[in-house]
Amino acid sequence: MIKAVFFDWVRTLAHPEPDSHEVVYQVAQGLGVKLPPQRLIKGIHAADNQMPAGAPPRWREGKDEEPFIRWWVCVVSI
């Protein structure tokens, strides 16, 4: 007997516009990080897998910047 059905929402059933990878690519370009899009996407996936909570929300003044910086370091290290 089936008791539950789970769906993967983002990039499976829903496709955000613009794609989150494109937004990260644009931000990286604005910060002077010059990586080919495919390499950046590979870095994003690696960073999301290494960080227990995935990508941190945007950093704000007064918040701990360490998770945000650690995620970005992982993204550009690939």
PDB file of N, CA and C in Angstrom:
ATOM      1  N   MET A   1       0.845  -1.179   0.000  1.00  0.00           N
ATOM      2  CA  MET A   1       0.000   0.000   0.000  1.00  0.00           C
ATOM      3  C   MET A   1       0.894   1.246   0.000  1.00  0.00           C
ATOM      4  N   ILE A   2       0.626   2.170  -0.879  1.00  0.00           N
ATOM      5  CA  ILE A   2       1.381   3.427  -0.961  1.00  0.00           C
ATOM      6  C   ILE A   2       0.866   4.373   0.113  1.00  0.00           C
ATOM      7  N   LYS A   3       1.798   4.890   0.941  1.00  0.00           N
ATOM      8  CA  LYS A   3       1.409   5.815   2.008  1.00  0.00           C
ATOM      9  C   LYS A   3       1.825   7.252   1.711  1.00  0.00           C
ATOM     10  N   ALA A   4       2.827   7.416   0.829  1.00  0.00           N
ATOM     11  CA  ALA A   4       3.288   8.768   0.527  1.00  0.00           C
ATOM     12  C   ALA A   4       3.944   8.788  -0.847  1.00  0.00           C
ATOM     13  N   VAL A   5       3.882   9.938  -1.476  1.00  0.00           N
ATOM     14  CA  VAL A   5       4.559  10.168  -2.743  1.00  0.00           C
ATOM     15  C   VAL A   5       5.317  11.483  -2.590  1.00  0.00           C
ATOM     16  N   PHE A   6       6.613  11.458  -2.929  1.00  0.00           N
ATOM     17  CA  PHE A   6       7.437  12.650  -2.805  1.00  0.00           C
ATOM     18  C   PHE A   6       7.834  13.128  -4.196  1.00  0.00           C
ATOM     19  N   PHE A   7       7.865  14.440  -4.362  1.00  0.00           N
ATOM     20  CA  PHE A   7       8.247  15.036  -5.631  1.00  0.00           C
ATOM     21  C   PHE A   7       9.439  15.957  -5.416  1.00  0.00           C
ATOM     22  N   ASP A   8      10.351  15.949  -6.385  1.00  0.00           N
ATOM     23  CA  ASP A   8      11.452  16.906  -6.406  1.00  0.00           C
ATOM     24  C   ASP A   8      10.924  18.140  -7.129  1.00  0.00           C
ATOM     25  N   TRP A   9      10.826  19.244  -6.438  1.00  0.00           N
ATOM     26  CA  TRP A   9      10.151  20.421  -6.964  1.00  0.00           C
ATOM     27  C   TRP A   9      11.020  21.228  -7.920  1.00  0.00           C
ATOM     28  N   VAL A  10      12.152  21.791  -7.433  1.00  0.00           N
ATOM     29  CA  VAL A  10      12.951  22.733  -8.223  1.00  0.00           C
ATOM     30  C   VAL A  10      13.729  22.002  -9.320  1.00  0.00           C
ATOM     31  N   ARG A  11      13.622  22.479 -10.524  1.00  0.00           N
ATOM     32  CA  ARG A  11      14.243  21.963 -11.733  1.00  0.00           C
ATOM     33  C   ARG A  11      13.725  20.585 -12.142  1.00  0.00           C
ATOM     34  N   THR A  12      12.658  20.109 -11.504  1.00  0.00           N
ATOM     35  CA  THR A  12      12.008  18.878 -11.943  1.00  0.00           C
ATOM     36  C   THR A  12      10.569  19.215 -12.337  1.00  0.00           C
ATOM     37  N   LEU A  13       9.789  19.667 -11.373  1.00  0.00           N
ATOM     38  CA  LEU A  13       8.413  20.070 -11.653  1.00  0.00           C
ATOM     39  C   LEU A  13       8.291  21.565 -11.904  1.00  0.00           C
ATOM     40  N   ALA A  14       9.157  22.333 -11.267  1.00  0.00           N
ATOM     41  CA  ALA A  14       9.134  23.786 -11.439  1.00  0.00           C
ATOM     42  C   ALA A  14      10.496  24.239 -11.962  1.00  0.00           C
ATOM     43  N   HIS A  15      10.458  25.182 -12.861  1.00  0.00           N
ATOM     44  CA  HIS A  15      11.694  25.703 -13.438  1.00  0.00           C
ATOM     45  C   HIS A  15      11.720  27.221 -13.211  1.00  0.00           C
ATOM     46  N   PRO A  16      12.510  27.649 -12.198  1.00  0.00           N
ATOM     47  CA  PRO A  16      12.535  29.077 -11.881  1.00  0.00           C
ATOM     48  C   PRO A  16      13.071  29.908 -13.046  1.00  0.00           C
ATOM     49  N   GLU A  17      12.534  31.079 -13.180  1.00  0.00           N
ATOM     50  CA  GLU A  17      12.970  32.017 -14.216  1.00  0.00           C
ATOM     51  C   GLU A  17      13.501  33.271 -13.553  1.00  0.00           C
ATOM     52  N   PRO A  18      14.716  33.709 -13.756  1.00  0.00           N
ATOM     53  CA  PRO A  18      15.731  32.953 -14.477  1.00  0.00           C
ATOM     54  C   PRO A  18      16.213  31.784 -13.638  1.00  0.00           C
ATOM     55  N   ASP A  19      16.842  30.826 -14.290  1.00  0.00           N
ATOM     56  CA  ASP A  19      17.365  29.653 -13.606  1.00  0.00           C
ATOM     57  C   ASP A  19      18.374  30.097 -12.545  1.00  0.00           C
ATOM     58  N   SER A  20      18.352  29.429 -11.403  1.00  0.00           N
ATOM     59  CA  SER A  20      19.243  29.824 -10.307  1.00  0.00           C
ATOM     60  C   SER A  20      20.706  29.756 -10.706  1.00  0.00           C
ATOM     61  N   HIS A  21      21.065  28.816 -11.588  1.00  0.00           N
ATOM     62  CA  HIS A  21      22.450  28.740 -12.047  1.00  0.00           C
ATOM     63  C   HIS A  21      22.830  29.977 -12.858  1.00  0.00           C
ATOM     64  N   GLU A  22      21.892  30.477 -13.634  1.00  0.00           N
ATOM     65  CA  GLU A  22      22.151  31.688 -14.414  1.00  0.00           C
ATOM     66  C   GLU A  22      22.353  32.887 -13.494  1.00  0.00           C
ATOM     67  N   VAL A  23      21.568  32.965 -12.434  1.00  0.00           N
ATOM     68  CA  VAL A  23      21.725  34.064 -11.471  1.00  0.00           C
ATOM     69  C   VAL A  23      23.095  33.989 -10.813  1.00  0.00           C
ATOM     70  N   VAL A  24      23.513  32.793 -10.394  1.00  0.00           N
ATOM     71  CA  VAL A  24      24.835  32.631  -9.778  1.00  0.00           C
ATOM     72  C   VAL A  24      25.921  33.008 -10.781  1.00  0.00           C
ATOM     73  N   TYR A  25      25.759  32.615 -12.034  1.00  0.00           N
ATOM     74  CA  TYR A  25      26.727  32.964 -13.072  1.00  0.00           C
ATOM     75  C   TYR A  25      26.838  34.486 -13.225  1.00  0.00           C
ATOM     76  N   GLN A  26      25.708  35.171 -13.243  1.00  0.00           N
ATOM     77  CA  GLN A  26      25.713  36.626 -13.375  1.00  0.00           C
ATOM     78  C   GLN A  26      26.373  37.288 -12.165  1.00  0.00           C
ATOM     79  N   VAL A  27      26.084  36.788 -10.963  1.00  0.00           N
ATOM     80  CA  VAL A  27      26.705  37.337  -9.751  1.00  0.00           C
ATOM     81  C   VAL A  27      28.202  37.103  -9.791  1.00  0.00           C
ATOM     82  N   ALA A  28      28.615  35.893 -10.166  1.00  0.00           N
ATOM     83  CA  ALA A  28      30.045  35.587 -10.248  1.00  0.00           C
ATOM     84  C   ALA A  28      30.739  36.517 -11.240  1.00  0.00           C
ATOM     85  N   GLN A  29      30.127  36.742 -12.384  1.00  0.00           N
ATOM     86  CA  GLN A  29      30.700  37.658 -13.375  1.00  0.00           C
ATOM     87  C   GLN A  29      30.844  39.057 -12.786  1.00  0.00           C
ATOM     88  N   GLY A  30      29.830  39.507 -12.050  1.00  0.00           N
ATOM     89  CA  GLY A  30      29.877  40.823 -11.416  1.00  0.00           C
ATOM     90  C   GLY A  30      30.969  40.939 -10.360  1.00  0.00           C
ATOM     91  N   LEU A  31      31.328  39.801  -9.752  1.00  0.00           N
ATOM     92  CA  LEU A  31      32.390  39.787  -8.745  1.00  0.00           C
ATOM     93  C   LEU A  31      33.767  39.562  -9.364  1.00  0.00           C
ATOM     94  N   GLY A  32      33.807  39.439 -10.678  1.00  0.00           N
ATOM     95  CA  GLY A  32      35.087  39.248 -11.354  1.00  0.00           C
ATOM     96  C   GLY A  32      35.513  37.800 -11.492  1.00  0.00           C
ATOM     97  N   VAL A  33      34.628  36.855 -11.187  1.00  0.00           N
ATOM     98  CA  VAL A  33      34.943  35.434 -11.330  1.00  0.00           C
ATOM     99  C   VAL A  33      34.623  35.045 -12.766  1.00  0.00           C
ATOM    100  N   LYS A  34      35.651  34.719 -13.518  1.00  0.00           N
ATOM    101  CA  LYS A  34      35.489  34.387 -14.935  1.00  0.00           C
ATOM    102  C   LYS A  34      35.612  32.880 -15.116  1.00  0.00           C
ATOM    103  N   LEU A  35      34.496  32.182 -15.014  1.00  0.00           N
ATOM    104  CA  LEU A  35      34.457  30.735 -15.216  1.00  0.00           C
ATOM    105  C   LEU A  35      33.470  30.427 -16.327  1.00  0.00           C
ATOM    106  N   PRO A  36      33.784  29.422 -17.150  1.00  0.00           N
ATOM    107  CA  PRO A  36      32.790  29.002 -18.151  1.00  0.00           C
ATOM    108  C   PRO A  36      31.519  28.531 -17.444  1.00  0.00           C
ATOM    109  N   PRO A  37      30.359  28.788 -18.026  1.00  0.00           N
ATOM    110  CA  PRO A  37      29.093  28.414 -17.369  1.00  0.00           C
ATOM    111  C   PRO A  37      29.036  26.950 -16.934  1.00  0.00           C
ATOM    112  N   GLN A  38      29.497  26.023 -17.765  1.00  0.00           N
ATOM    113  CA  GLN A  38      29.418  24.604 -17.397  1.00  0.00           C
ATOM    114  C   GLN A  38      30.291  24.293 -16.181  1.00  0.00           C
ATOM    115  N   ARG A  39      31.448  24.921 -16.094  1.00  0.00           N
ATOM    116  CA  ARG A  39      32.316  24.705 -14.926  1.00  0.00           C
ATOM    117  C   ARG A  39      31.678  25.297 -13.676  1.00  0.00           C
ATOM    118  N   LEU A  40      31.062  26.447 -13.813  1.00  0.00           N
ATOM    119  CA  LEU A  40      30.392  27.071 -12.676  1.00  0.00           C
ATOM    120  C   LEU A  40      29.219  26.205 -12.199  1.00  0.00           C
ATOM    121  N   ILE A  41      28.452  25.660 -13.120  1.00  0.00           N
ATOM    122  CA  ILE A  41      27.329  24.790 -12.753  1.00  0.00           C
ATOM    123  C   ILE A  41      27.843  23.556 -12.012  1.00  0.00           C
ATOM    124  N   LYS A  42      28.948  22.983 -12.494  1.00  0.00           N
ATOM    125  CA  LYS A  42      29.551  21.823 -11.816  1.00  0.00           C
ATOM    126  C   LYS A  42      29.965  22.213 -10.394  1.00  0.00           C
ATOM    127  N   GLY A  43      30.540  23.412 -10.228  1.00  0.00           N
ATOM    128  CA  GLY A  43      30.930  23.894  -8.906  1.00  0.00           C
ATOM    129  C   GLY A  43      29.734  24.124  -7.991  1.00  0.00           C
ATOM    130  N   ILE A  44      28.643  24.615  -8.543  1.00  0.00           N
ATOM    131  CA  ILE A  44      27.423  24.835  -7.761  1.00  0.00           C
ATOM    132  C   ILE A  44      26.898  23.510  -7.226  1.00  0.00           C
ATOM    133  N   HIS A  45      26.851  22.505  -8.090  1.00  0.00           N
ATOM    134  CA  HIS A  45      26.373  21.190  -7.652  1.00  0.00           C
ATOM    135  C   HIS A  45      27.290  20.619  -6.571  1.00  0.00           C
ATOM    136  N   ALA A  46      28.607  20.754  -6.750  1.00  0.00           N
ATOM    137  CA  ALA A  46      29.558  20.244  -5.755  1.00  0.00           C
ATOM    138  C   ALA A  46      29.378  20.968  -4.426  1.00  0.00           C
ATOM    139  N   ALA A  47      29.232  22.295  -4.471  1.00  0.00           N
ATOM    140  CA  ALA A  47      29.061  23.078  -3.243  1.00  0.00           C
ATOM    141  C   ALA A  47      27.756  22.715  -2.542  1.00  0.00           C
ATOM    142  N   ASP A  48      26.689  22.563  -3.307  1.00  0.00           N
ATOM    143  CA  ASP A  48      25.398  22.189  -2.712  1.00  0.00           C
ATOM    144  C   ASP A  48      25.477  20.819  -2.040  1.00  0.00           C
ATOM    145  N   ASN A  49      26.232  19.896  -2.633  1.00  0.00           N
ATOM    146  CA  ASN A  49      26.375  18.561  -2.050  1.00  0.00           C
ATOM    147  C   ASN A  49      27.271  18.554  -0.819  1.00  0.00           C
ATOM    148  N   GLN A  50      28.236  19.462  -0.748  1.00  0.00           N
ATOM    149  CA  GLN A  50      29.158  19.495   0.383  1.00  0.00           C
ATOM    150  C   GLN A  50      28.613  20.265   1.583  1.00  0.00           C
ATOM    151  N   MET A  51      27.716  21.178   1.322  1.00  0.00           N
ATOM    152  CA  MET A  51      27.140  21.972   2.408  1.00  0.00           C
ATOM    153  C   MET A  51      25.860  21.275   2.871  1.00  0.00           C
ATOM    154  N   PRO A  52      25.755  20.941   4.153  1.00  0.00           N
ATOM    155  CA  PRO A  52      24.583  20.202   4.628  1.00  0.00           C
ATOM    156  C   PRO A  52      23.251  20.878   4.313  1.00  0.00           C
ATOM    157  N   ALA A  53      23.218  22.191   4.346  1.00  0.00           N
ATOM    158  CA  ALA A  53      21.962  22.908   4.100  1.00  0.00           C
ATOM    159  C   ALA A  53      21.876  23.430   2.673  1.00  0.00           C
ATOM    160  N   GLY A  54      22.802  23.018   1.801  1.00  0.00           N
ATOM    161  CA  GLY A  54      22.802  23.527   0.435  1.00  0.00           C
ATOM    162  C   GLY A  54      23.308  24.957   0.391  1.00  0.00           C
ATOM    163  N   ALA A  55      22.936  25.661  -0.635  1.00  0.00           N
ATOM    164  CA  ALA A  55      23.387  27.040  -0.791  1.00  0.00           C
ATOM    165  C   ALA A  55      22.788  27.916   0.291  1.00  0.00           C
ATOM    166  N   PRO A  56      23.625  28.704   0.960  1.00  0.00           N
ATOM    167  CA  PRO A  56      23.063  29.597   1.977  1.00  0.00           C
ATOM    168  C   PRO A  56      22.264  30.716   1.315  1.00  0.00           C
ATOM    169  N   PRO A  57      21.270  31.219   2.009  1.00  0.00           N
ATOM    170  CA  PRO A  57      20.570  32.375   1.449  1.00  0.00           C
ATOM    171  C   PRO A  57      21.543  33.544   1.357  1.00  0.00           C
ATOM    172  N   ARG A  58      21.134  34.585   0.715  1.00  0.00           N
ATOM    173  CA  ARG A  58      22.067  35.701   0.551  1.00  0.00           C
ATOM    174  C   ARG A  58      22.554  36.207   1.901  1.00  0.00           C
ATOM    175  N   TRP A  59      23.777  36.657   1.890  1.00  0.00           N
ATOM    176  CA  TRP A  59      24.392  37.172   3.104  1.00  0.00           C
ATOM    177  C   TRP A  59      23.864  38.575   3.385  1.00  0.00           C
ATOM    178  N   ARG A  60      23.660  38.865   4.655  1.00  0.00           N
ATOM    179  CA  ARG A  60      23.214  40.195   5.076  1.00  0.00           C
ATOM    180  C   ARG A  60      24.131  40.701   6.171  1.00  0.00           C
ATOM    181  N   GLU A  61      24.260  41.994   6.251  1.00  0.00           N
ATOM    182  CA  GLU A  61      25.068  42.648   7.287  1.00  0.00           C
ATOM    183  C   GLU A  61      24.650  42.127   8.660  1.00  0.00           C
ATOM    184  N   GLY A  62      25.627  41.765   9.463  1.00  0.00           N
ATOM    185  CA  GLY A  62      25.351  41.282  10.805  1.00  0.00           C
ATOM    186  C   GLY A  62      25.154  39.781  10.898  1.00  0.00           C
ATOM    187  N   LYS A  63      25.052  39.091   9.760  1.00  0.00           N
ATOM    188  CA  LYS A  63      24.909  37.635   9.751  1.00  0.00           C
ATOM    189  C   LYS A  63      26.296  37.001   9.630  1.00  0.00           C
ATOM    190  N   ASP A  64      26.403  35.758  10.066  1.00  0.00           N
ATOM    191  CA  ASP A  64      27.652  35.020   9.935  1.00  0.00           C
ATOM    192  C   ASP A  64      27.933  34.787   8.452  1.00  0.00           C
ATOM    193  N   GLU A  65      29.034  35.325   7.964  1.00  0.00           N
ATOM    194  CA  GLU A  65      29.335  35.196   6.540  1.00  0.00           C
ATOM    195  C   GLU A  65      30.072  33.899   6.190  1.00  0.00           C
ATOM    196  N   GLU A  66      30.529  33.140   7.187  1.00  0.00           N
ATOM    197  CA  GLU A  66      31.336  31.947   6.941  1.00  0.00           C
ATOM    198  C   GLU A  66      30.649  30.921   6.034  1.00  0.00           C
ATOM    199  N   PRO A  67      29.384  30.534   6.262  1.00  0.00           N
ATOM    200  CA  PRO A  67      28.762  29.568   5.341  1.00  0.00           C
ATOM    201  C   PRO A  67      28.652  30.096   3.912  1.00  0.00           C
ATOM    202  N   PHE A  68      28.363  31.364   3.773  1.00  0.00           N
ATOM    203  CA  PHE A  68      28.237  31.992   2.456  1.00  0.00           C
ATOM    204  C   PHE A  68      29.578  31.951   1.730  1.00  0.00           C
ATOM    205  N   ILE A  69      30.639  32.347   2.424  1.00  0.00           N
ATOM    206  CA  ILE A  69      31.979  32.352   1.825  1.00  0.00           C
ATOM    207  C   ILE A  69      32.431  30.924   1.512  1.00  0.00           C
ATOM    208  N   ARG A  70      32.196  29.980   2.428  1.00  0.00           N
ATOM    209  CA  ARG A  70      32.601  28.593   2.216  1.00  0.00           C
ATOM    210  C   ARG A  70      31.909  28.012   0.980  1.00  0.00           C
ATOM    211  N   TRP A  71      30.623  28.337   0.784  1.00  0.00           N
ATOM    212  CA  TRP A  71      29.896  27.863  -0.394  1.00  0.00           C
ATOM    213  C   TRP A  71      30.531  28.405  -1.667  1.00  0.00           C
ATOM    214  N   TRP A  72      30.827  29.707  -1.700  1.00  0.00           N
ATOM    215  CA  TRP A  72      31.428  30.325  -2.885  1.00  0.00           C
ATOM    216  C   TRP A  72      32.815  29.782  -3.157  1.00  0.00           C
ATOM    217  N   VAL A  73      33.610  29.548  -2.116  1.00  0.00           N
ATOM    218  CA  VAL A  73      34.956  28.981  -2.305  1.00  0.00           C
ATOM    219  C   VAL A  73      34.839  27.618  -2.960  1.00  0.00           C
ATOM    220  N   CYS A  74      33.892  26.824  -2.531  1.00  0.00           N
ATOM    221  CA  CYS A  74      33.674  25.505  -3.132  1.00  0.00           C
ATOM    222  C   CYS A  74      33.238  25.644  -4.593  1.00  0.00           C
ATOM    223  N   VAL A  75      32.381  26.589  -4.879  1.00  0.00           N
ATOM    224  CA  VAL A  75      31.901  26.782  -6.243  1.00  0.00           C
ATOM    225  C   VAL A  75      33.058  27.088  -7.200  1.00  0.00           C
ATOM    226  N   VAL A  76      33.938  27.983  -6.812  1.00  0.00           N
ATOM    227  CA  VAL A  76      35.013  28.405  -7.731  1.00  0.00           C
ATOM    228  C   VAL A  76      36.233  27.500  -7.675  1.00  0.00           C
ATOM    229  N   SER A  77      36.254  26.532  -6.759  1.00  0.00           N
ATOM    230  CA  SER A  77      37.411  25.640  -6.622  1.00  0.00           C
ATOM    231  C   SER A  77      37.366  24.470  -7.602  1.00  0.00           C
ATOM    232  N   ILE A  78      36.262  24.242  -8.212  1.00  0.00           N
ATOM    233  CA  ILE A  78      36.112  23.072  -9.119  1.00  0.00           C
ATOM    234  C   ILE A  78      36.861  23.314 -10.400  1.00  0.00           C
TER     235      ILE A  78
END
